[in-house]
Every structure is written in structure tokens, then in C-alpha cells.
Amino acid sequence: MSPREEQLRHLVNNVLGPLLESDGAHLYIVSLREDSVCLHVAGRYAGSPGINLIRRRLVEPLLRRAAPSCTISLTHGVKIPLGSVRVNPQSASAVTRAPAP
């Protein structure tokens, strides 16, 4: 894992995850590489009209500090993408896998 990828993963697990979870959302890492980050939000934010605001004002500025040129994707909804990993706010290093259908 590259230093940039480690930094992005740290920001997602230790900053974004706890922030969103404290407001009733569930954050999942769909994929994370040094040049692209794909996240999914469920829970309270599934289908929320404010998701674009969250993406533009919170997710993108935070991740762009670590990787200015990375591609950032944020999806939302009740259906969790297969293979995604939930960020666990109780233990930043612990994650749970999304259930298979």
C-alpha cells in the first residue's frame, strides 16, 4: 500500500467515518486506491437530497488535501455495493464486510 493510499484510508476511517456515523449515516469503502476513492453512504443518508452537499463540502475537500488529483465517487442508497467494507466508527481499524445477497 502506498503512503498516499494509507493517508486516504486513514482519513476515511478516522475522520469521515466517525463524522458521518455520528449523524446516522453508514459509510462503506467500495474501492480505495491512490488515484481513486469510491465510497457509499447508507443509513440516514440513503436517498438524502443533501448528499451532494456532503460530497462537495466535506468528502471532496478532505480527500483532495491528501490526493489533489484523485477521482472521488460517492454513491448512496439502501442497497450496499457487493464487496464494499463498512467503516466501523467504534474502532477505526475494524471494518465489517457488506452481507452478500
C-alpha atoms as a PDB file:
ATOM      1  CA  MET A   1       0.000   0.000   0.000  1.00  0.00           C
ATOM      2  CA  SER A   2       1.416   3.377  -0.999  1.00  0.00           C
ATOM      3  CA  PRO A   3       1.784   6.253   1.505  1.00  0.00           C
ATOM      4  CA  ARG A   4      -0.937   8.222  -0.303  1.00  0.00           C
ATOM      5  CA  GLU A   5      -3.316   5.269  -0.168  1.00  0.00           C
ATOM      6  CA  GLU A   6      -2.585   4.839   3.551  1.00  0.00           C
ATOM      7  CA  GLN A   7      -3.300   8.526   4.134  1.00  0.00           C
ATOM      8  CA  LEU A   8      -6.604   8.341   2.233  1.00  0.00           C
ATOM      9  CA  ARG A   9      -7.632   5.223   4.153  1.00  0.00           C
ATOM     10  CA  HIS A  10      -6.736   6.954   7.427  1.00  0.00           C
ATOM     11  CA  LEU A  11      -8.896   9.978   6.546  1.00  0.00           C
ATOM     12  CA  VAL A  12     -11.859   7.798   5.582  1.00  0.00           C
ATOM     13  CA  ASN A  13     -11.594   5.577   8.673  1.00  0.00           C
ATOM     14  CA  ASN A  14     -10.719   8.214  11.274  1.00  0.00           C
ATOM     15  CA  VAL A  15     -12.393  11.402  10.042  1.00  0.00           C
ATOM     16  CA  LEU A  16     -15.171  10.811   7.505  1.00  0.00           C
ATOM     17  CA  GLY A  17     -16.488   7.597   9.038  1.00  0.00           C
ATOM     18  CA  PRO A  18     -16.930   8.919  12.576  1.00  0.00           C
ATOM     19  CA  LEU A  19     -18.349  12.253  11.341  1.00  0.00           C
ATOM     20  CA  LEU A  20     -20.984  10.663   9.140  1.00  0.00           C
ATOM     21  CA  GLU A  21     -21.785   7.879  11.609  1.00  0.00           C
ATOM     22  CA  SER A  22     -22.398  10.443  14.351  1.00  0.00           C
ATOM     23  CA  ASP A  23     -25.221  11.807  12.184  1.00  0.00           C
ATOM     24  CA  GLY A  24     -26.813   8.418  11.484  1.00  0.00           C
ATOM     25  CA  ALA A  25     -25.094   7.507   8.224  1.00  0.00           C
ATOM     26  CA  HIS A  26     -23.202   4.292   7.454  1.00  0.00           C
ATOM     27  CA  LEU A  27     -20.050   4.739   5.387  1.00  0.00           C
ATOM     28  CA  TYR A  28     -18.678   1.982   3.158  1.00  0.00           C
ATOM     29  CA  ILE A  29     -15.432   1.802   1.205  1.00  0.00           C
ATOM     30  CA  VAL A  30     -16.264   0.382  -2.215  1.00  0.00           C
ATOM     31  CA  SER A  31     -12.716   0.823  -3.526  1.00  0.00           C
ATOM     32  CA  LEU A  32      -9.735   2.860  -2.471  1.00  0.00           C
ATOM     33  CA  ARG A  33      -6.538   3.351  -4.457  1.00  0.00           C
ATOM     34  CA  GLU A  34      -4.048   6.187  -4.503  1.00  0.00           C
ATOM     35  CA  ASP A  35      -5.674   7.688  -7.616  1.00  0.00           C
ATOM     36  CA  SER A  36      -9.359   6.967  -6.889  1.00  0.00           C
ATOM     37  CA  VAL A  37     -11.732   6.635  -3.968  1.00  0.00           C
ATOM     38  CA  CYS A  38     -15.236   5.202  -4.234  1.00  0.00           C
ATOM     39  CA  LEU A  39     -17.424   5.445  -1.134  1.00  0.00           C
ATOM     40  CA  HIS A  40     -21.041   4.530  -0.456  1.00  0.00           C
ATOM     41  CA  VAL A  41     -23.304   6.097   2.161  1.00  0.00           C
ATOM     42  CA  ALA A  42     -26.320   4.286   3.600  1.00  0.00           C
ATOM     43  CA  GLY A  43     -28.362   4.632   6.769  1.00  0.00           C
ATOM     44  CA  ARG A  44     -29.841   8.049   7.397  1.00  0.00           C
ATOM     45  CA  TYR A  45     -28.253   9.495   4.240  1.00  0.00           C
ATOM     46  CA  ALA A  46     -29.606   6.837   1.851  1.00  0.00           C
ATOM     47  CA  GLY A  47     -31.595   8.803  -0.707  1.00  0.00           C
ATOM     48  CA  SER A  48     -30.941  12.115   1.012  1.00  0.00           C
ATOM     49  CA  PRO A  49     -31.184  15.195  -1.217  1.00  0.00           C
ATOM     50  CA  GLY A  50     -28.294  16.685   0.774  1.00  0.00           C
ATOM     51  CA  ILE A  51     -25.790  14.052  -0.358  1.00  0.00           C
ATOM     52  CA  ASN A  52     -24.311  16.381  -2.996  1.00  0.00           C
ATOM     53  CA  LEU A  53     -23.642  18.968  -0.306  1.00  0.00           C
ATOM     54  CA  ILE A  54     -21.900  16.323   1.823  1.00  0.00           C
ATOM     55  CA  ARG A  55     -19.792  15.306  -1.174  1.00  0.00           C
ATOM     56  CA  ARG A  56     -18.833  18.864  -2.216  1.00  0.00           C
ATOM     57  CA  ARG A  57     -18.349  20.403   1.240  1.00  0.00           C
ATOM     58  CA  LEU A  58     -16.974  17.514   3.290  1.00  0.00           C
ATOM     59  CA  VAL A  59     -15.770  14.478   1.358  1.00  0.00           C
ATOM     60  CA  GLU A  60     -14.027  16.100  -1.613  1.00  0.00           C
ATOM     61  CA  PRO A  61     -12.178  18.878   0.273  1.00  0.00           C
ATOM     62  CA  LEU A  62     -10.880  16.441   2.887  1.00  0.00           C
ATOM     63  CA  LEU A  63      -9.678  13.795   0.438  1.00  0.00           C
ATOM     64  CA  ARG A  64      -8.257  16.353  -2.015  1.00  0.00           C
ATOM     65  CA  ARG A  65      -5.870  17.579   0.693  1.00  0.00           C
ATOM     66  CA  ALA A  66      -4.234  14.153   0.671  1.00  0.00           C
ATOM     67  CA  ALA A  67      -4.573  13.445  -3.058  1.00  0.00           C
ATOM     68  CA  PRO A  68      -5.385  16.530  -5.152  1.00  0.00           C
ATOM     69  CA  SER A  69      -5.749  14.647  -8.429  1.00  0.00           C
ATOM     70  CA  CYS A  70      -7.648  11.564  -7.262  1.00  0.00           C
ATOM     71  CA  THR A  71     -11.079  10.708  -8.627  1.00  0.00           C
ATOM     72  CA  ILE A  72     -13.738  10.728  -5.903  1.00  0.00           C
ATOM     73  CA  SER A  73     -17.045   8.917  -6.226  1.00  0.00           C
ATOM     74  CA  LEU A  74     -19.781   8.956  -3.584  1.00  0.00           C
ATOM     75  CA  THR A  75     -22.882   6.836  -4.066  1.00  0.00           C
ATOM     76  CA  HIS A  76     -25.805   6.470  -1.700  1.00  0.00           C
ATOM     77  CA  GLY A  77     -28.822   4.283  -1.124  1.00  0.00           C
ATOM     78  CA  VAL A  78     -30.115   1.360   0.868  1.00  0.00           C
ATOM     79  CA  LYS A  79     -28.526  -1.236  -1.423  1.00  0.00           C
ATOM     80  CA  ILE A  80     -24.892  -1.727  -0.387  1.00  0.00           C
ATOM     81  CA  PRO A  81     -22.476  -2.484  -3.260  1.00  0.00           C
ATOM     82  CA  LEU A  82     -21.138  -6.049  -3.149  1.00  0.00           C
ATOM     83  CA  GLY A  83     -17.652  -6.325  -1.745  1.00  0.00           C
ATOM     84  CA  SER A  84     -17.767  -2.978   0.000  1.00  0.00           C
ATOM     85  CA  VAL A  85     -16.391  -2.664   3.513  1.00  0.00           C
ATOM     86  CA  ARG A  86     -18.161  -0.696   6.231  1.00  0.00           C
ATOM     87  CA  VAL A  87     -16.132   1.799   8.201  1.00  0.00           C
ATOM     88  CA  ASN A  88     -16.627   0.967  11.860  1.00  0.00           C
ATOM     89  CA  PRO A  89     -16.660   4.148  13.998  1.00  0.00           C
ATOM     90  CA  GLN A  90     -16.065   2.310  17.294  1.00  0.00           C
ATOM     91  CA  SER A  91     -12.685   1.054  16.131  1.00  0.00           C
ATOM     92  CA  ALA A  92     -11.115   2.918  13.250  1.00  0.00           C
ATOM     93  CA  SER A  93      -9.067  -0.113  12.246  1.00  0.00           C
ATOM     94  CA  ALA A  94     -12.005  -2.542  12.397  1.00  0.00           C
ATOM     95  CA  VAL A  95     -14.290  -2.932   9.428  1.00  0.00           C
ATOM     96  CA  THR A  96     -17.182  -5.220   8.573  1.00  0.00           C
ATOM     97  CA  ARG A  97     -17.968  -6.657   5.152  1.00  0.00           C
ATOM     98  CA  ALA A  98     -21.288  -5.927   3.478  1.00  0.00           C
ATOM     99  CA  PRO A  99     -23.560  -9.003   3.501  1.00  0.00           C
ATOM    100  CA  ALA A 100     -23.922 -10.986   0.301  1.00  0.00           C
ATOM    101  CA  PRO A 101     -27.434 -11.050  -1.145  1.00  0.00           C
END
